[in-house]
Amino acid sequence: MFPRVKSDIKAVFDRDPAARSLLEVIFCYPGLHAIWFHRLSHWFWKNEFWFFGRLTSHLGRFLTGVEIHPGATIGRGFFIDHG
């Protein structure tokens, strides 16, 4: 899971010229937070913990305003700007 987290952070720096620091990216990018919530909810979904997948997905939507279905497959380097 941690290589994916690093890859997600790298995608922000690669695609957003306004990204200035690691702390800013980790704490102030709701699109990145939405991706992390999705990765967790997708893990639950793939392992047939559908309720927890949905619950995590809804929590992520509530906190970030971004909805990604837990069954959706997204790969490395995915970036949501202005999430």
N, C-alpha and C. Protein backbone atom coordinates (compact mmCIF):
# COMPACT_ATOMS: atom_id res chain seq x y z
N MET A 1 0.82 -1.20 0.00
CA MET A 1 0.00 0.00 0.00
C MET A 1 0.87 1.26 0.00
N PHE A 2 1.98 1.26 0.73
CA PHE A 2 2.80 2.47 0.81
C PHE A 2 3.46 2.87 -0.50
N PRO A 3 3.87 1.93 -1.35
CA PRO A 3 4.36 2.37 -2.67
C PRO A 3 3.29 3.13 -3.45
N ARG A 4 2.03 2.74 -3.29
CA ARG A 4 0.94 3.45 -3.96
C ARG A 4 0.79 4.86 -3.40
N VAL A 5 0.92 5.00 -2.08
CA VAL A 5 0.81 6.32 -1.46
C VAL A 5 1.90 7.23 -2.00
N LYS A 6 3.12 6.72 -2.08
CA LYS A 6 4.23 7.51 -2.63
C LYS A 6 3.98 7.86 -4.09
N SER A 7 3.44 6.91 -4.84
CA SER A 7 3.13 7.14 -6.25
C SER A 7 2.04 8.21 -6.40
N ASP A 8 1.05 8.19 -5.51
CA ASP A 8 -0.02 9.20 -5.55
C ASP A 8 0.53 10.59 -5.25
N ILE A 9 1.42 10.69 -4.28
CA ILE A 9 2.03 11.98 -3.95
C ILE A 9 2.89 12.46 -5.11
N LYS A 10 3.64 11.56 -5.71
CA LYS A 10 4.48 11.93 -6.85
C LYS A 10 3.62 12.44 -8.00
N ALA A 11 2.46 11.84 -8.21
CA ALA A 11 1.56 12.28 -9.29
C ALA A 11 1.13 13.72 -9.08
N VAL A 12 0.91 14.11 -7.82
CA VAL A 12 0.53 15.50 -7.54
C VAL A 12 1.66 16.43 -7.95
N PHE A 13 2.88 16.12 -7.51
CA PHE A 13 4.02 16.97 -7.84
C PHE A 13 4.28 16.99 -9.35
N ASP A 14 4.06 15.87 -10.03
CA ASP A 14 4.29 15.80 -11.47
C ASP A 14 3.26 16.61 -12.27
N ARG A 15 2.04 16.71 -11.76
CA ARG A 15 0.96 17.30 -12.55
C ARG A 15 0.46 18.66 -12.07
N ASP A 16 0.82 19.06 -10.86
CA ASP A 16 0.33 20.33 -10.34
C ASP A 16 1.49 21.28 -10.05
N PRO A 17 1.68 22.28 -10.88
CA PRO A 17 2.79 23.21 -10.66
C PRO A 17 2.64 24.04 -9.38
N ALA A 18 1.43 24.09 -8.82
CA ALA A 18 1.21 24.84 -7.58
C ALA A 18 1.63 24.06 -6.34
N ALA A 19 1.90 22.77 -6.46
CA ALA A 19 2.31 21.95 -5.31
C ALA A 19 3.71 22.36 -4.89
N ARG A 20 3.82 22.86 -3.65
CA ARG A 20 5.11 23.41 -3.21
C ARG A 20 5.84 22.56 -2.19
N SER A 21 5.11 21.88 -1.32
CA SER A 21 5.80 21.12 -0.28
C SER A 21 5.06 19.81 0.00
N LEU A 22 5.79 18.87 0.54
CA LEU A 22 5.22 17.57 0.88
C LEU A 22 4.09 17.73 1.90
N LEU A 23 4.31 18.53 2.94
CA LEU A 23 3.27 18.71 3.96
C LEU A 23 2.00 19.33 3.36
N GLU A 24 2.17 20.31 2.49
CA GLU A 24 1.01 20.93 1.85
C GLU A 24 0.22 19.89 1.04
N VAL A 25 0.92 19.08 0.29
CA VAL A 25 0.27 18.07 -0.55
C VAL A 25 -0.45 17.04 0.32
N ILE A 26 0.20 16.56 1.36
CA ILE A 26 -0.39 15.53 2.22
C ILE A 26 -1.63 16.04 2.95
N PHE A 27 -1.59 17.28 3.43
CA PHE A 27 -2.67 17.77 4.28
C PHE A 27 -3.70 18.65 3.58
N CYS A 28 -3.40 19.19 2.41
CA CYS A 28 -4.28 20.21 1.81
C CYS A 28 -4.80 19.87 0.42
N TYR A 29 -4.71 18.63 -0.01
CA TYR A 29 -5.18 18.26 -1.34
C TYR A 29 -6.33 17.26 -1.22
N PRO A 30 -7.58 17.73 -1.25
CA PRO A 30 -8.71 16.82 -1.08
C PRO A 30 -8.81 15.76 -2.19
N GLY A 31 -8.33 16.07 -3.37
CA GLY A 31 -8.32 15.06 -4.43
C GLY A 31 -7.43 13.88 -4.06
N LEU A 32 -6.30 14.17 -3.44
CA LEU A 32 -5.40 13.12 -2.98
C LEU A 32 -6.04 12.32 -1.85
N HIS A 33 -6.70 13.02 -0.94
CA HIS A 33 -7.39 12.32 0.15
C HIS A 33 -8.48 11.40 -0.41
N ALA A 34 -9.19 11.87 -1.43
CA ALA A 34 -10.24 11.05 -2.06
C ALA A 34 -9.65 9.78 -2.66
N ILE A 35 -8.49 9.90 -3.27
CA ILE A 35 -7.83 8.73 -3.85
C ILE A 35 -7.45 7.75 -2.75
N TRP A 36 -6.93 8.27 -1.65
CA TRP A 36 -6.54 7.38 -0.54
C TRP A 36 -7.76 6.69 0.06
N PHE A 37 -8.86 7.44 0.24
CA PHE A 37 -10.09 6.80 0.72
C PHE A 37 -10.53 5.73 -0.27
N HIS A 38 -10.43 6.02 -1.56
CA HIS A 38 -10.84 5.04 -2.55
C HIS A 38 -9.96 3.79 -2.49
N ARG A 39 -8.68 3.96 -2.35
CA ARG A 39 -7.80 2.79 -2.30
C ARG A 39 -8.18 1.87 -1.13
N LEU A 40 -8.50 2.46 0.02
CA LEU A 40 -8.92 1.67 1.17
C LEU A 40 -10.29 1.02 0.91
N SER A 41 -11.24 1.80 0.42
CA SER A 41 -12.58 1.24 0.18
C SER A 41 -12.53 0.16 -0.91
N HIS A 42 -11.67 0.34 -1.89
CA HIS A 42 -11.52 -0.67 -2.95
C HIS A 42 -10.93 -1.97 -2.40
N TRP A 43 -10.00 -1.85 -1.47
CA TRP A 43 -9.43 -3.05 -0.84
C TRP A 43 -10.55 -3.81 -0.12
N PHE A 44 -11.38 -3.11 0.65
CA PHE A 44 -12.52 -3.77 1.30
C PHE A 44 -13.41 -4.44 0.26
N TRP A 45 -13.70 -3.72 -0.81
CA TRP A 45 -14.60 -4.23 -1.86
C TRP A 45 -14.04 -5.50 -2.48
N LYS A 46 -12.76 -5.49 -2.85
CA LYS A 46 -12.14 -6.66 -3.48
C LYS A 46 -12.11 -7.86 -2.55
N ASN A 47 -12.05 -7.62 -1.26
CA ASN A 47 -12.00 -8.71 -0.28
C ASN A 47 -13.38 -9.06 0.27
N GLU A 48 -14.42 -8.62 -0.46
CA GLU A 48 -15.81 -8.95 -0.18
C GLU A 48 -16.33 -8.42 1.16
N PHE A 49 -15.73 -7.32 1.62
CA PHE A 49 -16.26 -6.60 2.78
C PHE A 49 -17.03 -5.39 2.22
N TRP A 50 -18.11 -5.70 1.49
CA TRP A 50 -18.83 -4.67 0.74
C TRP A 50 -19.34 -3.54 1.63
N PHE A 51 -19.87 -3.89 2.80
CA PHE A 51 -20.38 -2.85 3.70
C PHE A 51 -19.28 -1.86 4.07
N PHE A 52 -18.12 -2.38 4.44
CA PHE A 52 -17.02 -1.49 4.84
C PHE A 52 -16.47 -0.71 3.65
N GLY A 53 -16.52 -1.32 2.48
CA GLY A 53 -16.13 -0.60 1.27
C GLY A 53 -17.04 0.59 1.02
N ARG A 54 -18.34 0.36 1.13
CA ARG A 54 -19.31 1.44 0.94
C ARG A 54 -19.18 2.49 2.04
N LEU A 55 -19.03 2.04 3.27
CA LEU A 55 -18.92 2.96 4.40
C LEU A 55 -17.69 3.86 4.24
N THR A 56 -16.57 3.28 3.90
CA THR A 56 -15.34 4.05 3.70
C THR A 56 -15.51 5.01 2.53
N SER A 57 -16.14 4.56 1.48
CA SER A 57 -16.39 5.42 0.32
C SER A 57 -17.26 6.62 0.69
N HIS A 58 -18.31 6.38 1.46
CA HIS A 58 -19.19 7.47 1.87
C HIS A 58 -18.49 8.44 2.82
N LEU A 59 -17.67 7.92 3.70
CA LEU A 59 -16.89 8.79 4.58
C LEU A 59 -15.95 9.67 3.76
N GLY A 60 -15.30 9.08 2.78
CA GLY A 60 -14.43 9.85 1.89
C GLY A 60 -15.18 10.92 1.14
N ARG A 61 -16.37 10.59 0.66
CA ARG A 61 -17.19 11.58 -0.06
C ARG A 61 -17.60 12.71 0.88
N PHE A 62 -17.97 12.37 2.10
CA PHE A 62 -18.37 13.39 3.08
C PHE A 62 -17.22 14.34 3.38
N LEU A 63 -16.02 13.80 3.53
CA LEU A 63 -14.86 14.62 3.91
C LEU A 63 -14.23 15.37 2.75
N THR A 64 -14.35 14.85 1.53
CA THR A 64 -13.64 15.47 0.40
C THR A 64 -14.57 16.05 -0.66
N GLY A 65 -15.82 15.61 -0.69
CA GLY A 65 -16.72 16.05 -1.74
C GLY A 65 -16.54 15.30 -3.05
N VAL A 66 -15.69 14.29 -3.05
CA VAL A 66 -15.40 13.51 -4.25
C VAL A 66 -15.95 12.10 -4.05
N GLU A 67 -16.75 11.63 -5.00
CA GLU A 67 -17.32 10.29 -4.91
C GLU A 67 -16.67 9.37 -5.94
N ILE A 68 -16.09 8.28 -5.46
CA ILE A 68 -15.53 7.25 -6.33
C ILE A 68 -16.09 5.92 -5.83
N HIS A 69 -16.78 5.19 -6.69
CA HIS A 69 -17.37 3.92 -6.28
C HIS A 69 -16.26 2.96 -5.84
N PRO A 70 -16.48 2.21 -4.75
CA PRO A 70 -15.44 1.30 -4.27
C PRO A 70 -15.08 0.19 -5.24
N GLY A 71 -15.95 -0.10 -6.19
CA GLY A 71 -15.65 -1.12 -7.19
C GLY A 71 -14.82 -0.62 -8.36
N ALA A 72 -14.66 0.70 -8.45
CA ALA A 72 -13.89 1.28 -9.56
C ALA A 72 -12.41 0.94 -9.41
N THR A 73 -11.76 0.67 -10.53
CA THR A 73 -10.33 0.36 -10.53
C THR A 73 -9.58 1.56 -11.07
N ILE A 74 -8.67 2.10 -10.26
CA ILE A 74 -7.80 3.18 -10.71
C ILE A 74 -6.36 2.77 -10.47
N GLY A 75 -5.49 3.20 -11.34
CA GLY A 75 -4.09 2.76 -11.25
C GLY A 75 -3.18 3.81 -10.66
N ARG A 76 -1.90 3.55 -10.84
CA ARG A 76 -0.87 4.47 -10.35
C ARG A 76 -0.91 5.75 -11.17
N GLY A 77 -0.53 6.83 -10.51
CA GLY A 77 -0.43 8.10 -11.21
C GLY A 77 -1.74 8.83 -11.41
N PHE A 78 -2.83 8.30 -10.87
CA PHE A 78 -4.14 8.96 -10.99
C PHE A 78 -4.11 10.24 -10.17
N PHE A 79 -4.66 11.32 -10.71
CA PHE A 79 -4.62 12.61 -10.04
C PHE A 79 -5.96 13.32 -10.22
N ILE A 80 -6.50 13.84 -9.14
CA ILE A 80 -7.73 14.63 -9.18
C ILE A 80 -7.35 16.05 -8.78
N ASP A 81 -7.42 16.97 -9.72
CA ASP A 81 -7.14 18.37 -9.42
C ASP A 81 -8.46 19.07 -9.13
N HIS A 82 -8.46 19.96 -8.19
CA HIS A 82 -9.66 20.71 -7.80
C HIS A 82 -10.77 19.78 -7.34
N GLY A 83 -10.40 18.76 -6.55
CA GLY A 83 -11.38 17.79 -6.06
C GLY A 83 -12.25 18.35 -4.97
